[in-house]
Amino acid sequence: MLDLEQNGDDWIDWARHCPSPNQDARPEDCIIDLLVIHNISLPPGEFGGPWIDALFSNQLPAAAHPFFAEIATLQVSSHLLIRRDGELVQYVPLQRRAWHAGVSCFDGRERCNDFSIGIELEGTDQTPYSDPQYTSLARASREIMQHYPAITPERIAGHADIAPERKSDPGPAFDWSRYRRMLDQ
């Protein structure tokens, strides 16, 4: 279940909390009505390790891998990450704006970060996602949709759907049919 903090921010009680500084307030009177699914792996194509937490907390060592030199100065985050083993990690309270979507548009509205919740899956466009990831994603999605009823199955999108010129995630390896069936369980 969602654990509602005294200050109105939303933390999921079964998630590991790893607060990111890369967040801010949503626009006033903003209705959260979109869930965006992404993927991430650091270094690209590798799973496990501390690198995603480090990236989202502005502590990624540029010298640790050649790819990190390109991204170490980025200030990005997501509300949630689901690791390959199904572990849920939360970086930003759901009520706050995470910096996950970038230049984006959904249903004619730009700046999707303003009104969306971002979930990263540890993976790549081409690597099948794990059973525990689907289980955690469906559980987290159902809880989010219960707490934010403006998020309906029709208002769940991939990063590629909201930024098609720039992004391709969660990619063809993501089984949308399986995920949508699991939402009903």
N, C-alpha and C. Protein backbone atom coordinates (compact mmCIF):
# COMPACT_ATOMS: atom_id res chain seq x y z
N MET A 1 0.84 -1.19 0.00
CA MET A 1 0.00 0.00 0.00
C MET A 1 0.88 1.25 0.00
N LEU A 2 0.30 2.34 -0.45
CA LEU A 2 1.01 3.60 -0.38
C LEU A 2 1.02 4.07 1.06
N ASP A 3 2.17 4.52 1.50
CA ASP A 3 2.34 5.04 2.84
C ASP A 3 2.32 6.55 2.72
N LEU A 4 1.29 7.18 3.21
CA LEU A 4 1.17 8.62 3.08
C LEU A 4 1.89 9.30 4.23
N GLU A 5 2.89 10.07 3.90
CA GLU A 5 3.67 10.78 4.91
C GLU A 5 2.87 11.96 5.45
N GLN A 6 3.25 12.45 6.60
CA GLN A 6 2.57 13.58 7.24
C GLN A 6 2.58 14.82 6.35
N ASN A 7 3.64 15.00 5.56
CA ASN A 7 3.78 16.22 4.77
C ASN A 7 3.04 16.14 3.43
N GLY A 8 2.31 15.07 3.19
CA GLY A 8 1.53 14.94 1.96
C GLY A 8 2.27 14.26 0.83
N ASP A 9 3.58 14.00 0.99
CA ASP A 9 4.31 13.28 -0.04
C ASP A 9 3.99 11.80 0.07
N ASP A 10 4.11 11.11 -1.05
CA ASP A 10 3.73 9.70 -1.08
C ASP A 10 4.95 8.82 -1.26
N TRP A 11 5.15 7.92 -0.31
CA TRP A 11 6.20 6.92 -0.37
C TRP A 11 5.54 5.56 -0.33
N ILE A 12 6.01 4.65 -1.13
CA ILE A 12 5.48 3.29 -1.13
C ILE A 12 6.20 2.52 -0.04
N ASP A 13 5.43 1.93 0.86
CA ASP A 13 6.03 1.35 2.06
C ASP A 13 6.87 0.11 1.79
N TRP A 14 6.66 -0.60 0.70
CA TRP A 14 7.46 -1.80 0.42
C TRP A 14 8.65 -1.52 -0.47
N ALA A 15 8.89 -0.26 -0.77
CA ALA A 15 10.04 0.13 -1.59
C ALA A 15 11.24 0.48 -0.71
N ARG A 16 12.42 0.27 -1.25
CA ARG A 16 13.63 0.81 -0.63
C ARG A 16 13.70 2.28 -1.02
N HIS A 17 13.88 3.14 -0.05
CA HIS A 17 13.89 4.59 -0.30
C HIS A 17 15.32 5.08 -0.47
N CYS A 18 15.56 5.77 -1.57
CA CYS A 18 16.87 6.32 -1.91
C CYS A 18 16.61 7.72 -2.48
N PRO A 19 16.36 8.71 -1.62
CA PRO A 19 15.93 10.03 -2.08
C PRO A 19 16.91 10.70 -3.05
N SER A 20 16.34 11.24 -4.12
CA SER A 20 17.11 11.95 -5.15
C SER A 20 16.90 13.46 -4.97
N PRO A 21 17.97 14.23 -5.16
CA PRO A 21 17.80 15.69 -5.14
C PRO A 21 17.16 16.21 -6.43
N ASN A 22 17.06 15.36 -7.44
CA ASN A 22 16.57 15.78 -8.75
C ASN A 22 15.05 15.67 -8.81
N GLN A 23 14.42 16.62 -8.16
CA GLN A 23 12.97 16.68 -8.03
C GLN A 23 12.59 18.09 -7.67
N ASP A 24 11.33 18.41 -7.88
CA ASP A 24 10.81 19.70 -7.44
C ASP A 24 9.30 19.61 -7.34
N ALA A 25 8.68 20.74 -7.01
CA ALA A 25 7.23 20.77 -6.87
C ALA A 25 6.57 20.72 -8.24
N ARG A 26 5.45 20.05 -8.29
CA ARG A 26 4.64 20.06 -9.51
C ARG A 26 3.95 21.43 -9.62
N PRO A 27 3.47 21.76 -10.81
CA PRO A 27 2.71 23.01 -10.93
C PRO A 27 1.49 22.98 -10.00
N GLU A 28 1.10 24.15 -9.56
CA GLU A 28 -0.04 24.26 -8.66
C GLU A 28 -1.29 23.68 -9.31
N ASP A 29 -2.09 22.99 -8.53
CA ASP A 29 -3.35 22.38 -8.99
C ASP A 29 -3.16 21.32 -10.07
N CYS A 30 -1.98 20.72 -10.12
CA CYS A 30 -1.69 19.69 -11.11
C CYS A 30 -2.36 18.38 -10.72
N ILE A 31 -3.03 17.75 -11.66
CA ILE A 31 -3.62 16.43 -11.45
C ILE A 31 -2.66 15.40 -12.03
N ILE A 32 -2.24 14.46 -11.21
CA ILE A 32 -1.35 13.39 -11.66
C ILE A 32 -2.21 12.36 -12.40
N ASP A 33 -2.00 12.27 -13.73
CA ASP A 33 -2.89 11.42 -14.51
C ASP A 33 -2.19 10.63 -15.61
N LEU A 34 -0.89 10.37 -15.43
CA LEU A 34 -0.15 9.60 -16.42
C LEU A 34 0.93 8.79 -15.71
N LEU A 35 1.10 7.54 -16.15
CA LEU A 35 2.17 6.68 -15.68
C LEU A 35 3.04 6.38 -16.88
N VAL A 36 4.35 6.62 -16.74
CA VAL A 36 5.29 6.43 -17.85
C VAL A 36 6.28 5.33 -17.48
N ILE A 37 6.41 4.34 -18.38
CA ILE A 37 7.32 3.22 -18.15
C ILE A 37 8.56 3.42 -19.01
N HIS A 38 9.72 3.31 -18.37
CA HIS A 38 11.02 3.49 -18.99
C HIS A 38 11.85 2.22 -18.81
N ASN A 39 13.07 2.24 -19.36
CA ASN A 39 14.08 1.26 -18.97
C ASN A 39 15.41 1.97 -18.80
N ILE A 40 16.27 1.33 -18.03
CA ILE A 40 17.61 1.87 -17.77
C ILE A 40 18.53 0.71 -17.42
N SER A 41 19.77 0.82 -17.84
CA SER A 41 20.82 -0.09 -17.40
C SER A 41 22.13 0.69 -17.42
N LEU A 42 22.91 0.50 -16.38
CA LEU A 42 24.19 1.20 -16.27
C LEU A 42 25.26 0.25 -15.78
N PRO A 43 26.38 0.16 -16.55
CA PRO A 43 26.57 0.64 -17.91
C PRO A 43 25.54 0.00 -18.84
N PRO A 44 25.38 0.55 -20.04
CA PRO A 44 24.36 0.02 -20.95
C PRO A 44 24.49 -1.50 -21.14
N GLY A 45 23.37 -2.18 -20.93
CA GLY A 45 23.33 -3.63 -21.11
C GLY A 45 23.79 -4.43 -19.91
N GLU A 46 24.20 -3.76 -18.84
CA GLU A 46 24.64 -4.45 -17.62
C GLU A 46 23.65 -4.18 -16.50
N PHE A 47 23.43 -5.21 -15.68
CA PHE A 47 22.45 -5.10 -14.61
C PHE A 47 23.11 -5.30 -13.25
N GLY A 48 22.46 -4.77 -12.22
CA GLY A 48 22.98 -4.86 -10.87
C GLY A 48 23.94 -3.72 -10.60
N GLY A 49 24.45 -3.69 -9.42
CA GLY A 49 25.42 -2.67 -9.07
C GLY A 49 24.77 -1.38 -8.60
N PRO A 50 25.59 -0.45 -8.17
CA PRO A 50 25.10 0.78 -7.54
C PRO A 50 24.89 1.95 -8.49
N TRP A 51 25.04 1.74 -9.80
CA TRP A 51 25.17 2.87 -10.71
C TRP A 51 23.88 3.66 -10.93
N ILE A 52 22.73 3.01 -10.93
CA ILE A 52 21.48 3.75 -11.13
C ILE A 52 21.21 4.64 -9.92
N ASP A 53 21.38 4.07 -8.71
CA ASP A 53 21.25 4.89 -7.51
C ASP A 53 22.21 6.08 -7.56
N ALA A 54 23.43 5.83 -7.99
CA ALA A 54 24.44 6.90 -8.07
C ALA A 54 24.03 7.97 -9.08
N LEU A 55 23.53 7.56 -10.24
CA LEU A 55 23.10 8.53 -11.24
C LEU A 55 21.98 9.41 -10.69
N PHE A 56 20.98 8.80 -10.09
CA PHE A 56 19.82 9.55 -9.61
C PHE A 56 20.13 10.38 -8.37
N SER A 57 21.28 10.15 -7.74
CA SER A 57 21.67 10.96 -6.58
C SER A 57 22.85 11.88 -6.88
N ASN A 58 23.16 12.04 -8.18
CA ASN A 58 24.24 12.94 -8.63
C ASN A 58 25.61 12.52 -8.09
N GLN A 59 25.82 11.21 -7.95
CA GLN A 59 27.08 10.70 -7.43
C GLN A 59 27.73 9.68 -8.37
N LEU A 60 27.38 9.72 -9.64
CA LEU A 60 27.94 8.77 -10.59
C LEU A 60 29.38 9.16 -10.92
N PRO A 61 30.35 8.29 -10.63
CA PRO A 61 31.76 8.64 -10.90
C PRO A 61 32.06 8.54 -12.40
N ALA A 62 32.40 9.65 -13.00
CA ALA A 62 32.64 9.72 -14.44
C ALA A 62 33.75 8.77 -14.88
N ALA A 63 34.71 8.50 -14.03
CA ALA A 63 35.85 7.67 -14.40
C ALA A 63 35.60 6.17 -14.25
N ALA A 64 34.46 5.77 -13.67
CA ALA A 64 34.21 4.36 -13.41
C ALA A 64 33.91 3.54 -14.66
N HIS A 65 33.48 4.20 -15.74
CA HIS A 65 33.17 3.52 -17.00
C HIS A 65 33.17 4.59 -18.10
N PRO A 66 33.65 4.25 -19.30
CA PRO A 66 33.68 5.26 -20.36
C PRO A 66 32.32 5.93 -20.63
N PHE A 67 31.22 5.17 -20.56
CA PHE A 67 29.90 5.74 -20.79
C PHE A 67 29.52 6.76 -19.73
N PHE A 68 30.00 6.55 -18.50
CA PHE A 68 29.61 7.44 -17.40
C PHE A 68 30.12 8.86 -17.61
N ALA A 69 31.23 9.02 -18.33
CA ALA A 69 31.76 10.36 -18.59
C ALA A 69 30.74 11.20 -19.36
N GLU A 70 29.91 10.54 -20.20
CA GLU A 70 28.90 11.25 -20.98
C GLU A 70 27.69 11.68 -20.15
N ILE A 71 27.40 10.96 -19.08
CA ILE A 71 26.14 11.20 -18.35
C ILE A 71 26.32 11.63 -16.90
N ALA A 72 27.53 11.65 -16.40
CA ALA A 72 27.76 11.89 -14.97
C ALA A 72 27.24 13.24 -14.49
N THR A 73 27.16 14.21 -15.37
CA THR A 73 26.71 15.54 -14.95
C THR A 73 25.20 15.75 -15.13
N LEU A 74 24.52 14.75 -15.69
CA LEU A 74 23.07 14.88 -15.85
C LEU A 74 22.38 14.93 -14.49
N GLN A 75 21.33 15.70 -14.41
CA GLN A 75 20.50 15.72 -13.21
C GLN A 75 19.14 15.14 -13.60
N VAL A 76 19.01 13.84 -13.35
CA VAL A 76 17.81 13.09 -13.73
C VAL A 76 17.36 12.24 -12.55
N SER A 77 16.13 11.80 -12.63
CA SER A 77 15.59 10.93 -11.60
C SER A 77 14.36 10.23 -12.16
N SER A 78 13.81 9.37 -11.37
CA SER A 78 12.53 8.74 -11.64
C SER A 78 11.87 8.55 -10.29
N HIS A 79 10.58 8.38 -10.29
CA HIS A 79 9.93 8.09 -9.02
C HIS A 79 10.36 6.72 -8.52
N LEU A 80 10.34 5.74 -9.44
CA LEU A 80 10.57 4.36 -9.04
C LEU A 80 11.50 3.65 -10.02
N LEU A 81 12.19 2.64 -9.51
CA LEU A 81 12.99 1.71 -10.30
C LEU A 81 12.60 0.31 -9.86
N ILE A 82 12.47 -0.58 -10.82
CA ILE A 82 12.24 -1.99 -10.50
C ILE A 82 13.43 -2.77 -11.02
N ARG A 83 14.19 -3.33 -10.08
CA ARG A 83 15.38 -4.11 -10.40
C ARG A 83 14.99 -5.45 -11.03
N ARG A 84 15.97 -6.16 -11.58
CA ARG A 84 15.72 -7.44 -12.24
C ARG A 84 15.10 -8.46 -11.29
N ASP A 85 15.45 -8.38 -10.00
CA ASP A 85 14.92 -9.32 -9.02
C ASP A 85 13.56 -8.89 -8.45
N GLY A 86 13.01 -7.78 -8.98
CA GLY A 86 11.71 -7.28 -8.53
C GLY A 86 11.78 -6.25 -7.42
N GLU A 87 12.98 -5.98 -6.90
CA GLU A 87 13.09 -4.97 -5.85
C GLU A 87 12.59 -3.62 -6.37
N LEU A 88 11.77 -2.97 -5.56
CA LEU A 88 11.26 -1.64 -5.89
C LEU A 88 12.09 -0.61 -5.13
N VAL A 89 12.61 0.36 -5.85
CA VAL A 89 13.38 1.46 -5.25
C VAL A 89 12.64 2.75 -5.57
N GLN A 90 12.47 3.58 -4.55
CA GLN A 90 11.79 4.87 -4.75
C GLN A 90 12.78 6.00 -4.52
N TYR A 91 12.84 6.91 -5.49
CA TYR A 91 13.76 8.05 -5.43
C TYR A 91 13.07 9.37 -5.15
N VAL A 92 11.83 9.49 -5.58
CA VAL A 92 11.10 10.75 -5.46
C VAL A 92 9.70 10.46 -4.93
N PRO A 93 9.22 11.23 -3.96
CA PRO A 93 7.83 11.05 -3.53
C PRO A 93 6.89 11.23 -4.73
N LEU A 94 5.85 10.43 -4.78
CA LEU A 94 4.97 10.44 -5.94
C LEU A 94 4.30 11.80 -6.15
N GLN A 95 4.09 12.53 -5.08
CA GLN A 95 3.44 13.84 -5.17
C GLN A 95 4.36 14.89 -5.78
N ARG A 96 5.66 14.63 -5.81
CA ARG A 96 6.63 15.59 -6.34
C ARG A 96 6.94 15.27 -7.80
N ARG A 97 7.56 16.20 -8.49
CA ARG A 97 7.92 16.02 -9.90
C ARG A 97 9.32 15.45 -9.99
N ALA A 98 9.42 14.26 -10.58
CA ALA A 98 10.72 13.66 -10.89
C ALA A 98 11.12 14.12 -12.29
N TRP A 99 12.41 14.04 -12.58
CA TRP A 99 12.95 14.53 -13.86
C TRP A 99 13.28 13.35 -14.74
N HIS A 100 12.23 12.71 -15.29
CA HIS A 100 12.40 11.45 -16.03
C HIS A 100 12.02 11.53 -17.50
N ALA A 101 11.11 12.38 -17.89
CA ALA A 101 10.56 12.32 -19.24
C ALA A 101 11.25 13.24 -20.24
N GLY A 102 11.83 14.33 -19.78
CA GLY A 102 12.43 15.28 -20.69
C GLY A 102 11.39 15.93 -21.58
N VAL A 103 11.81 16.37 -22.75
CA VAL A 103 10.89 16.95 -23.72
C VAL A 103 9.90 15.87 -24.12
N SER A 104 8.62 16.11 -23.88
CA SER A 104 7.63 15.04 -24.04
C SER A 104 6.24 15.63 -24.25
N CYS A 105 5.35 14.77 -24.77
CA CYS A 105 3.97 15.18 -25.02
C CYS A 105 3.07 13.95 -24.95
N PHE A 106 1.95 14.07 -24.25
CA PHE A 106 0.97 12.99 -24.19
C PHE A 106 -0.42 13.59 -24.32
N ASP A 107 -1.20 13.09 -25.24
CA ASP A 107 -2.58 13.53 -25.42
C ASP A 107 -2.66 15.05 -25.60
N GLY A 108 -1.69 15.60 -26.34
CA GLY A 108 -1.66 17.03 -26.63
C GLY A 108 -1.08 17.90 -25.53
N ARG A 109 -0.68 17.29 -24.40
CA ARG A 109 -0.09 18.06 -23.29
C ARG A 109 1.41 17.85 -23.26
N GLU A 110 2.15 18.94 -23.24
CA GLU A 110 3.60 18.87 -23.17
C GLU A 110 4.06 18.84 -21.71
N ARG A 111 5.37 18.62 -21.54
CA ARG A 111 5.98 18.61 -20.20
C ARG A 111 5.37 17.52 -19.31
N CYS A 112 5.49 16.29 -19.75
CA CYS A 112 4.87 15.17 -19.04
C CYS A 112 5.35 15.02 -17.60
N ASN A 113 6.56 15.48 -17.29
CA ASN A 113 7.02 15.40 -15.90
C ASN A 113 6.04 16.10 -14.96
N ASP A 114 5.37 17.14 -15.45
CA ASP A 114 4.45 17.90 -14.60
C ASP A 114 3.33 17.04 -14.05
N PHE A 115 2.83 16.09 -14.84
CA PHE A 115 1.61 15.37 -14.47
C PHE A 115 1.76 13.85 -14.48
N SER A 116 3.00 13.36 -14.49
CA SER A 116 3.19 11.91 -14.59
C SER A 116 4.02 11.36 -13.43
N ILE A 117 3.93 10.05 -13.30
CA ILE A 117 4.79 9.27 -12.41
C ILE A 117 5.64 8.40 -13.31
N GLY A 118 6.95 8.40 -13.09
CA GLY A 118 7.87 7.62 -13.91
C GLY A 118 8.34 6.37 -13.19
N ILE A 119 8.30 5.25 -13.91
CA ILE A 119 8.80 3.98 -13.40
C ILE A 119 9.86 3.47 -14.36
N GLU A 120 11.06 3.26 -13.87
CA GLU A 120 12.16 2.67 -14.65
C GLU A 120 12.20 1.18 -14.37
N LEU A 121 12.37 0.41 -15.43
CA LEU A 121 12.64 -1.02 -15.30
C LEU A 121 14.11 -1.23 -15.61
N GLU A 122 14.82 -1.96 -14.76
CA GLU A 122 16.21 -2.26 -15.06
C GLU A 122 16.22 -3.22 -16.25
N GLY A 123 16.68 -2.72 -17.39
CA GLY A 123 16.66 -3.53 -18.59
C GLY A 123 17.05 -2.73 -19.81
N THR A 124 16.88 -3.36 -20.95
CA THR A 124 17.15 -2.72 -22.24
C THR A 124 15.96 -2.99 -23.16
N ASP A 125 15.92 -2.27 -24.26
CA ASP A 125 14.84 -2.45 -25.23
C ASP A 125 14.74 -3.88 -25.74
N GLN A 126 15.87 -4.58 -25.81
CA GLN A 126 15.92 -5.90 -26.44
C GLN A 126 16.00 -7.07 -25.46
N THR A 127 16.18 -6.80 -24.17
CA THR A 127 16.33 -7.86 -23.18
C THR A 127 14.99 -8.14 -22.52
N PRO A 128 14.49 -9.37 -22.57
CA PRO A 128 13.22 -9.65 -21.90
C PRO A 128 13.27 -9.27 -20.43
N TYR A 129 12.20 -8.69 -19.96
CA TYR A 129 12.10 -8.32 -18.55
C TYR A 129 11.77 -9.56 -17.74
N SER A 130 12.12 -9.55 -16.47
CA SER A 130 11.97 -10.74 -15.63
C SER A 130 10.56 -10.84 -15.05
N ASP A 131 10.20 -12.07 -14.67
CA ASP A 131 8.91 -12.29 -14.03
C ASP A 131 8.75 -11.44 -12.77
N PRO A 132 9.78 -11.38 -11.88
CA PRO A 132 9.62 -10.53 -10.70
C PRO A 132 9.41 -9.05 -11.05
N GLN A 133 9.98 -8.60 -12.16
CA GLN A 133 9.76 -7.20 -12.56
C GLN A 133 8.30 -6.97 -12.93
N TYR A 134 7.73 -7.87 -13.70
CA TYR A 134 6.32 -7.72 -14.07
C TYR A 134 5.43 -7.75 -12.82
N THR A 135 5.74 -8.64 -11.89
CA THR A 135 4.95 -8.74 -10.66
C THR A 135 5.02 -7.44 -9.87
N SER A 136 6.22 -6.91 -9.68
CA SER A 136 6.36 -5.65 -8.93
C SER A 136 5.75 -4.48 -9.68
N LEU A 137 5.93 -4.45 -11.00
CA LEU A 137 5.36 -3.36 -11.79
C LEU A 137 3.84 -3.36 -11.70
N ALA A 138 3.23 -4.51 -11.83
CA ALA A 138 1.77 -4.58 -11.75
C ALA A 138 1.29 -4.18 -10.37
N ARG A 139 1.95 -4.64 -9.33
CA ARG A 139 1.55 -4.30 -7.97
C ARG A 139 1.68 -2.80 -7.73
N ALA A 140 2.83 -2.22 -8.08
CA ALA A 140 3.03 -0.78 -7.89
C ALA A 140 2.03 0.01 -8.72
N SER A 141 1.80 -0.41 -9.94
CA SER A 141 0.86 0.30 -10.82
C SER A 141 -0.55 0.29 -10.24
N ARG A 142 -1.00 -0.87 -9.76
CA ARG A 142 -2.34 -0.96 -9.17
C ARG A 142 -2.47 -0.03 -7.96
N GLU A 143 -1.44 0.00 -7.11
CA GLU A 143 -1.49 0.86 -5.93
C GLU A 143 -1.50 2.33 -6.33
N ILE A 144 -0.69 2.67 -7.31
CA ILE A 144 -0.65 4.06 -7.79
C ILE A 144 -2.00 4.44 -8.39
N MET A 145 -2.58 3.57 -9.20
CA MET A 145 -3.86 3.87 -9.83
C MET A 145 -4.98 3.99 -8.79
N GLN A 146 -4.88 3.23 -7.73
CA GLN A 146 -5.88 3.34 -6.67
C GLN A 146 -5.77 4.70 -5.97
N HIS A 147 -4.55 5.13 -5.75
CA HIS A 147 -4.33 6.41 -5.06
C HIS A 147 -4.52 7.61 -5.98
N TYR A 148 -4.23 7.44 -7.26
CA TYR A 148 -4.37 8.50 -8.26
C TYR A 148 -5.35 8.01 -9.33
N PRO A 149 -6.65 8.10 -9.08
CA PRO A 149 -7.64 7.49 -9.97
C PRO A 149 -7.70 8.10 -11.37
N ALA A 150 -7.08 9.25 -11.60
CA ALA A 150 -7.03 9.80 -12.96
C ALA A 150 -6.09 9.00 -13.85
N ILE A 151 -5.22 8.18 -13.24
CA ILE A 151 -4.38 7.27 -14.01
C ILE A 151 -5.19 6.01 -14.27
N THR A 152 -5.57 5.83 -15.51
CA THR A 152 -6.33 4.66 -15.94
C THR A 152 -5.44 3.84 -16.86
N PRO A 153 -5.83 2.62 -17.21
CA PRO A 153 -5.00 1.84 -18.13
C PRO A 153 -4.70 2.57 -19.44
N GLU A 154 -5.62 3.42 -19.88
CA GLU A 154 -5.40 4.18 -21.11
C GLU A 154 -4.40 5.31 -20.92
N ARG A 155 -4.08 5.60 -19.68
CA ARG A 155 -3.15 6.69 -19.39
C ARG A 155 -1.83 6.14 -18.82
N ILE A 156 -1.45 4.98 -19.35
CA ILE A 156 -0.15 4.38 -19.07
C ILE A 156 0.57 4.30 -20.41
N ALA A 157 1.77 4.85 -20.46
CA ALA A 157 2.50 4.95 -21.73
C ALA A 157 3.96 4.58 -21.52
N GLY A 158 4.60 4.23 -22.60
CA GLY A 158 6.04 4.05 -22.59
C GLY A 158 6.72 5.38 -22.87
N HIS A 159 7.98 5.46 -22.51
CA HIS A 159 8.75 6.66 -22.81
C HIS A 159 8.73 6.95 -24.31
N ALA A 160 8.78 5.89 -25.11
CA ALA A 160 8.74 6.05 -26.56
C ALA A 160 7.44 6.68 -27.03
N ASP A 161 6.36 6.47 -26.29
CA ASP A 161 5.06 7.03 -26.68
C ASP A 161 4.99 8.54 -26.46
N ILE A 162 5.72 9.03 -25.47
CA ILE A 162 5.64 10.45 -25.14
C ILE A 162 6.82 11.25 -25.70
N ALA A 163 7.85 10.56 -26.17
CA ALA A 163 9.02 11.22 -26.76
C ALA A 163 9.53 10.38 -27.94
N PRO A 164 8.69 10.15 -28.94
CA PRO A 164 9.04 9.20 -30.00
C PRO A 164 10.23 9.61 -30.85
N GLU A 165 10.54 10.88 -30.92
CA GLU A 165 11.69 11.33 -31.71
C GLU A 165 13.01 11.01 -31.01
N ARG A 166 12.96 10.87 -29.67
CA ARG A 166 14.17 10.72 -28.89
C ARG A 166 14.34 9.36 -28.22
N LYS A 167 13.24 8.70 -27.89
CA LYS A 167 13.32 7.53 -27.01
C LYS A 167 12.65 6.32 -27.63
N SER A 168 13.10 5.13 -27.21
CA SER A 168 12.53 3.87 -27.71
C SER A 168 12.09 2.94 -26.57
N ASP A 169 12.31 3.35 -25.33
CA ASP A 169 12.00 2.46 -24.21
C ASP A 169 10.52 2.53 -23.81
N PRO A 170 10.00 1.45 -23.24
CA PRO A 170 10.70 0.28 -22.73
C PRO A 170 11.09 -0.74 -23.80
N GLY A 171 10.76 -0.46 -25.05
CA GLY A 171 11.26 -1.28 -26.14
C GLY A 171 10.41 -2.48 -26.48
N PRO A 172 10.78 -3.17 -27.56
CA PRO A 172 10.00 -4.34 -28.00
C PRO A 172 10.07 -5.52 -27.04
N ALA A 173 11.02 -5.54 -26.14
CA ALA A 173 11.09 -6.64 -25.18
C ALA A 173 10.02 -6.54 -24.10
N PHE A 174 9.41 -5.37 -23.96
CA PHE A 174 8.38 -5.20 -22.93
C PHE A 174 7.06 -5.78 -23.44
N ASP A 175 6.47 -6.66 -22.66
CA ASP A 175 5.23 -7.34 -23.03
C ASP A 175 4.04 -6.55 -22.48
N TRP A 176 3.54 -5.62 -23.28
CA TRP A 176 2.42 -4.77 -22.87
C TRP A 176 1.17 -5.60 -22.57
N SER A 177 0.90 -6.62 -23.36
CA SER A 177 -0.29 -7.45 -23.13
C SER A 177 -0.22 -8.14 -21.78
N ARG A 178 0.92 -8.71 -21.48
CA ARG A 178 1.10 -9.38 -20.18
C ARG A 178 0.90 -8.39 -19.05
N TYR A 179 1.53 -7.24 -19.15
CA TYR A 179 1.43 -6.21 -18.11
C TYR A 179 -0.04 -5.79 -17.92
N ARG A 180 -0.73 -5.52 -19.00
CA ARG A 180 -2.13 -5.06 -18.89
C ARG A 180 -3.03 -6.15 -18.28
N ARG A 181 -2.77 -7.42 -18.62
CA ARG A 181 -3.52 -8.51 -17.98
C ARG A 181 -3.25 -8.54 -16.48
N MET A 182 -2.01 -8.33 -16.09
CA MET A 182 -1.64 -8.38 -14.68
C MET A 182 -2.26 -7.21 -13.89
N LEU A 183 -2.54 -6.11 -14.54
CA LEU A 183 -3.19 -4.98 -13.87
C LEU A 183 -4.57 -5.36 -13.34
N ASP A 184 -5.22 -6.31 -14.00
CA ASP A 184 -6.58 -6.72 -13.63
C ASP A 184 -6.60 -7.77 -12.53
N GLN A 185 -5.44 -8.28 -12.14
CA GLN A 185 -5.41 -9.36 -11.14
C GLN A 185 -5.50 -8.81 -9.74
